Amino acid sequence: MDPRSRIVYVVMISVLAVIFEQLHSLALLAMICVIPLLAAPIGWVWRRRALVGIIAIVWGTTLSQALFYGEAPRTLAFELGPLTFWREGIEHGLIQSLRMVAVTAAGLSIAATTPLDRLLAGLIRLRVPFSLAFLAVMSLRFLPEVGREVLVVRRARARRGRPAWRRSPRAWLQLELSLLRPIVARAVRRARSISESLDVRGFDADSPRAVHRPLYFRRGEPVALIVGVITTTGLLVARLLYVAYLNELAYFPSLRPLYGFVRQWL
């Protein structure tokens, strides 16, 4: 698939994650985004880490919203000692977590399956300023390196002391913050080295440059892309019309079936 199509698909998924508010529609969107990530050639170790991260996002967001949901009405789901879990909070947490899962999985999928030079060329062909495109690609380039450094720092800490879960919450938080210091220091040194290398080589973001391998769409890819853009735009317009109806800004009796569709599915 052409990198321009992948970038546009990620943008469409981001828009749909904002448009959808029903649990079933967001669950379907998250599933569509997670399956390509788990099927990407990233190795079983990183697949397991991605799956654990997805579960952590859903669990953490749902748990926090279930405990601290403050909107009305609230319906008691169950109690666990002094803790009260609200049914509306659980549903709201699931909705928010599925949004994050969908967008995160889509971004990780394109980062794992698209070479960085192709991604840079796609951003440039989509009229993204070269400085912003270069910054985004460089961030993706060193994201795995930062992840490996995090694992190295945590492994080194585990071999030097007792497990973090045996400490008090305050000591555990201080320990987690202290683990960020070497990671941030390495990132700052790496950024400085890259900037000095670019400056020495006379890098100019505004100078014209040629693409070594030109981009091209495969057969049927433009049609699928146009259909996706039109569908996303139509859903966005339908949601805006429904919001205008709820806020008593504009009401069209002929659009009542559309209002019902948005209420039930979006």
Protein backbone atom coordinates (compact mmCIF):
# COMPACT_ATOMS: atom_id res chain seq x y z
CA MET A 1 0.00 0.00 0.00
CA ASP A 2 1.20 3.46 -0.84
CA PRO A 3 2.36 5.39 2.28
CA ARG A 4 0.05 8.27 1.38
CA SER A 5 -2.92 5.92 1.67
CA ARG A 6 -1.73 4.69 5.05
CA ILE A 7 -1.33 8.22 6.36
CA VAL A 8 -4.80 9.20 5.14
CA TYR A 9 -6.27 6.05 6.71
CA VAL A 10 -4.73 6.97 10.08
CA VAL A 11 -6.24 10.45 9.79
CA MET A 12 -9.64 8.95 8.98
CA ILE A 13 -9.40 6.60 11.97
CA SER A 14 -8.57 9.57 14.20
CA VAL A 15 -11.65 11.41 12.93
CA LEU A 16 -13.85 8.36 13.39
CA ALA A 17 -12.55 7.87 16.94
CA VAL A 18 -13.83 11.35 17.75
CA ILE A 19 -17.14 10.91 15.90
CA PHE A 20 -18.10 7.56 17.43
CA GLU A 21 -19.59 7.51 20.92
CA GLN A 22 -21.34 4.16 20.97
CA LEU A 23 -19.50 1.29 22.61
CA HIS A 24 -20.13 -1.21 19.81
CA SER A 25 -18.97 1.13 17.05
CA LEU A 26 -15.77 2.05 18.91
CA ALA A 27 -15.12 -1.62 19.70
CA LEU A 28 -15.39 -2.46 16.00
CA LEU A 29 -13.08 0.42 15.09
CA ALA A 30 -10.53 -0.64 17.71
CA MET A 31 -10.66 -4.24 16.48
CA ILE A 32 -10.06 -3.11 12.89
CA CYS A 33 -6.98 -1.18 14.06
CA VAL A 34 -5.58 -3.80 16.45
CA ILE A 35 -5.70 -6.76 14.04
CA PRO A 36 -3.20 -5.25 11.53
CA LEU A 37 -0.89 -4.35 14.41
CA LEU A 38 -0.86 -7.88 15.78
CA ALA A 39 -0.41 -9.25 12.24
CA ALA A 40 2.53 -6.92 11.48
CA PRO A 41 6.04 -8.45 11.25
CA ILE A 42 7.20 -7.16 14.64
CA GLY A 43 7.98 -10.43 16.40
CA TRP A 44 6.08 -12.23 19.14
CA VAL A 45 7.80 -10.31 21.92
CA TRP A 46 6.59 -6.94 20.65
CA ARG A 47 3.18 -8.39 19.81
CA ARG A 48 2.84 -9.51 23.40
CA ARG A 49 3.96 -6.10 24.65
CA ALA A 50 1.49 -4.36 22.36
CA LEU A 51 -1.30 -6.61 23.61
CA VAL A 52 -0.33 -5.99 27.23
CA GLY A 53 -0.25 -2.24 26.54
CA ILE A 54 -3.73 -2.36 25.00
CA ILE A 55 -5.08 -4.29 27.98
CA ALA A 56 -3.41 -1.82 30.35
CA ILE A 57 -5.00 1.15 28.57
CA VAL A 58 -8.48 -0.40 28.70
CA TRP A 59 -8.12 -1.61 32.28
CA GLY A 60 -6.59 1.59 33.68
CA THR A 61 -9.02 3.97 31.97
CA THR A 62 -12.07 1.88 32.82
CA LEU A 63 -11.03 1.45 36.45
CA SER A 64 -10.32 5.14 36.98
CA GLN A 65 -13.60 6.24 35.41
CA ALA A 66 -15.56 3.61 37.32
CA LEU A 67 -14.17 4.90 40.63
CA PHE A 68 -14.14 8.66 40.02
CA TYR A 69 -17.06 9.20 37.64
CA GLY A 70 -18.75 12.41 38.75
CA GLU A 71 -21.49 13.02 36.19
CA ALA A 72 -25.18 12.50 36.80
CA PRO A 73 -27.02 10.19 36.73
CA ARG A 74 -24.88 7.51 38.36
CA THR A 75 -25.93 3.90 38.88
CA LEU A 76 -24.17 1.66 41.37
CA ALA A 77 -22.54 -1.30 39.64
CA PHE A 78 -20.98 -2.99 42.70
CA GLU A 79 -19.00 -2.20 45.83
CA LEU A 80 -15.67 -3.62 46.88
CA GLY A 81 -15.10 -2.67 50.49
CA PRO A 82 -14.90 1.14 50.68
CA LEU A 83 -14.68 1.43 46.89
CA THR A 84 -17.75 2.19 44.80
CA PHE A 85 -17.87 1.37 41.10
CA TRP A 86 -20.36 3.25 38.92
CA ARG A 87 -21.93 1.63 35.87
CA GLU A 88 -21.87 4.82 33.78
CA GLY A 89 -18.21 5.28 34.70
CA ILE A 90 -17.35 1.81 33.45
CA GLU A 91 -19.07 2.48 30.13
CA HIS A 92 -17.47 5.92 29.81
CA GLY A 93 -14.04 4.48 30.59
CA LEU A 94 -14.46 1.75 27.98
CA ILE A 95 -15.44 4.34 25.37
CA GLN A 96 -12.45 6.57 26.11
CA SER A 97 -10.02 3.64 26.23
CA LEU A 98 -11.25 2.23 22.92
CA ARG A 99 -10.65 5.61 21.32
CA MET A 100 -7.07 5.63 22.56
CA VAL A 101 -6.56 2.01 21.52
CA ALA A 102 -7.84 2.63 17.98
CA VAL A 103 -5.66 5.68 17.33
CA THR A 104 -2.58 4.22 19.05
CA ALA A 105 -2.85 0.89 17.23
CA ALA A 106 -3.30 2.64 13.87
CA GLY A 107 -0.23 4.79 14.46
CA LEU A 108 1.88 1.85 15.61
CA SER A 109 0.77 -0.20 12.61
CA ILE A 110 1.89 2.40 10.09
CA ALA A 111 5.16 2.92 11.99
CA ALA A 112 5.88 -0.82 12.08
CA THR A 113 5.04 -1.59 8.45
CA THR A 114 6.17 1.53 6.57
CA PRO A 115 9.86 2.32 5.96
CA LEU A 116 10.79 5.74 7.23
CA ASP A 117 11.96 7.02 3.85
CA ARG A 118 8.61 6.01 2.34
CA LEU A 119 6.77 7.66 5.19
CA LEU A 120 8.75 10.88 4.73
CA ALA A 121 8.07 10.85 0.99
CA GLY A 122 4.37 10.30 1.63
CA LEU A 123 4.16 13.20 4.05
CA ILE A 124 5.92 15.48 1.61
CA ARG A 125 3.62 14.45 -1.26
CA LEU A 126 0.66 15.26 1.01
CA ARG A 127 1.98 18.84 1.23
CA VAL A 128 3.13 18.54 4.83
CA PRO A 129 5.97 21.05 5.48
CA PHE A 130 9.30 19.30 5.23
CA SER A 131 10.43 20.41 8.68
CA LEU A 132 7.35 18.89 10.32
CA ALA A 133 7.58 15.71 8.25
CA PHE A 134 11.27 15.33 9.06
CA LEU A 135 10.61 15.87 12.76
CA ALA A 136 7.84 13.24 12.80
CA VAL A 137 9.97 10.68 10.97
CA MET A 138 12.97 11.26 13.22
CA SER A 139 10.75 10.80 16.28
CA LEU A 140 9.51 7.48 14.93
CA ARG A 141 13.06 6.47 14.07
CA PHE A 142 14.25 6.67 17.65
CA LEU A 143 11.07 5.52 19.37
CA PRO A 144 12.21 1.83 19.41
CA GLU A 145 15.59 2.97 20.73
CA VAL A 146 13.91 4.77 23.62
CA GLY A 147 11.81 1.68 24.31
CA ARG A 148 14.92 -0.49 24.49
CA GLU A 149 16.58 2.02 26.84
CA VAL A 150 13.55 1.88 29.12
CA LEU A 151 13.83 -1.90 29.30
CA VAL A 152 17.57 -1.73 29.98
CA VAL A 153 17.14 0.81 32.78
CA ARG A 154 14.35 -1.15 34.42
CA ARG A 155 16.28 -4.41 34.14
CA ALA A 156 19.35 -2.81 35.69
CA ARG A 157 17.27 -1.42 38.55
CA ALA A 158 15.63 -4.80 39.18
CA ARG A 159 19.04 -6.41 39.63
CA ARG A 160 20.18 -3.81 42.15
CA GLY A 161 17.29 -3.74 44.63
CA ARG A 162 14.04 -5.20 45.82
CA PRO A 163 10.96 -5.21 43.55
CA ALA A 164 9.15 -1.91 43.17
CA TRP A 165 5.80 -3.37 44.20
CA ARG A 166 7.15 -4.06 47.70
CA ARG A 167 7.73 -0.37 48.35
CA SER A 168 5.25 2.19 49.63
CA PRO A 169 3.27 4.15 46.99
CA ARG A 170 5.35 7.27 47.65
CA ALA A 171 8.65 5.39 47.32
CA TRP A 172 7.40 3.60 44.22
CA LEU A 173 6.48 6.92 42.57
CA GLN A 174 9.86 8.43 43.43
CA LEU A 175 11.58 5.36 42.01
CA GLU A 176 9.64 5.54 38.75
CA LEU A 177 10.48 9.24 38.35
CA SER A 178 14.15 8.58 39.03
CA LEU A 179 14.20 5.95 36.27
CA LEU A 180 13.29 8.64 33.75
CA ARG A 181 16.45 10.65 34.36
CA PRO A 182 18.92 8.46 32.40
CA ILE A 183 16.39 8.00 29.61
CA VAL A 184 15.80 11.75 29.24
CA ALA A 185 19.54 12.44 29.46
CA ARG A 186 20.25 9.96 26.66
CA ALA A 187 17.48 11.48 24.54
CA VAL A 188 18.88 14.99 24.99
CA ARG A 189 22.41 13.86 24.07
CA ARG A 190 21.07 12.00 21.04
CA ALA A 191 19.10 15.03 19.85
CA ARG A 192 22.15 17.26 20.25
CA SER A 193 24.33 14.85 18.27
CA ILE A 194 21.77 14.67 15.46
CA SER A 195 21.41 18.44 15.28
CA GLU A 196 25.18 18.90 15.18
CA SER A 197 25.48 16.27 12.43
CA LEU A 198 22.82 17.99 10.34
CA ASP A 199 24.44 21.37 10.85
CA VAL A 200 27.91 20.09 9.88
CA ARG A 201 26.57 18.54 6.69
CA GLY A 202 24.84 21.78 5.69
CA PHE A 203 21.29 20.43 5.97
CA ASP A 204 18.67 22.86 4.61
CA ALA A 205 15.00 21.98 5.01
CA ASP A 206 13.96 24.44 2.30
CA SER A 207 16.25 23.13 -0.42
CA PRO A 208 14.62 21.03 -3.19
CA ARG A 209 15.29 17.31 -3.08
CA ALA A 210 14.40 14.36 -5.28
CA VAL A 211 12.75 11.11 -4.17
CA HIS A 212 14.91 8.08 -4.94
CA ARG A 213 11.92 5.75 -5.42
CA PRO A 214 8.82 7.56 -6.71
CA LEU A 215 5.50 6.83 -5.05
CA TYR A 216 2.66 5.22 -6.98
CA PHE A 217 -0.79 3.91 -6.17
CA ARG A 218 -1.66 0.30 -6.84
CA ARG A 219 -4.67 -0.71 -8.90
CA GLY A 220 -7.90 0.10 -7.08
CA GLU A 221 -6.13 1.94 -4.27
CA PRO A 222 -7.29 5.46 -5.28
CA VAL A 223 -10.90 4.23 -5.51
CA ALA A 224 -10.75 2.71 -2.02
CA LEU A 225 -9.13 5.87 -0.70
CA ILE A 226 -11.80 8.11 -2.24
CA VAL A 227 -14.59 5.89 -0.86
CA GLY A 228 -13.03 6.03 2.61
CA VAL A 229 -12.67 9.81 2.54
CA ILE A 230 -16.24 10.29 1.32
CA THR A 231 -17.59 7.90 3.97
CA THR A 232 -15.65 9.60 6.76
CA THR A 233 -16.74 13.03 5.59
CA GLY A 234 -20.36 11.91 5.40
CA LEU A 235 -20.25 10.50 8.95
CA LEU A 236 -18.66 13.72 10.19
CA VAL A 237 -21.38 15.83 8.57
CA ALA A 238 -24.07 13.56 9.99
CA ARG A 239 -22.59 13.88 13.48
CA LEU A 240 -22.40 17.68 13.17
CA LEU A 241 -26.04 17.83 12.09
CA TYR A 242 -27.00 15.68 15.07
CA VAL A 243 -25.04 17.92 17.45
CA ALA A 244 -26.79 20.96 15.97
CA TYR A 245 -30.13 19.21 16.55
CA LEU A 246 -29.29 18.37 20.19
CA ASN A 247 -28.21 21.93 20.91
CA GLU A 248 -31.33 23.36 19.21
CA LEU A 249 -29.27 25.16 16.60
CA ALA A 250 -30.84 23.59 13.53
CA TYR A 251 -33.54 20.98 13.03
CA PHE A 252 -34.69 19.46 9.74
CA PRO A 253 -37.72 17.13 9.98
CA SER A 254 -36.68 15.31 6.82
CA LEU A 255 -33.45 14.24 8.55
CA ARG A 256 -35.13 12.31 11.36
CA PRO A 257 -33.94 8.93 9.99
CA LEU A 258 -30.42 10.35 9.94
CA TYR A 259 -30.76 11.50 13.55
CA GLY A 260 -31.90 8.02 14.53
CA PHE A 261 -28.97 6.41 12.73
CA VAL A 262 -26.47 8.69 14.48
CA ARG A 263 -28.08 8.10 17.88
CA GLN A 264 -28.07 4.33 17.50
CA TRP A 265 -24.79 3.66 15.70
CA LEU A 266 -22.48 6.65 16.11
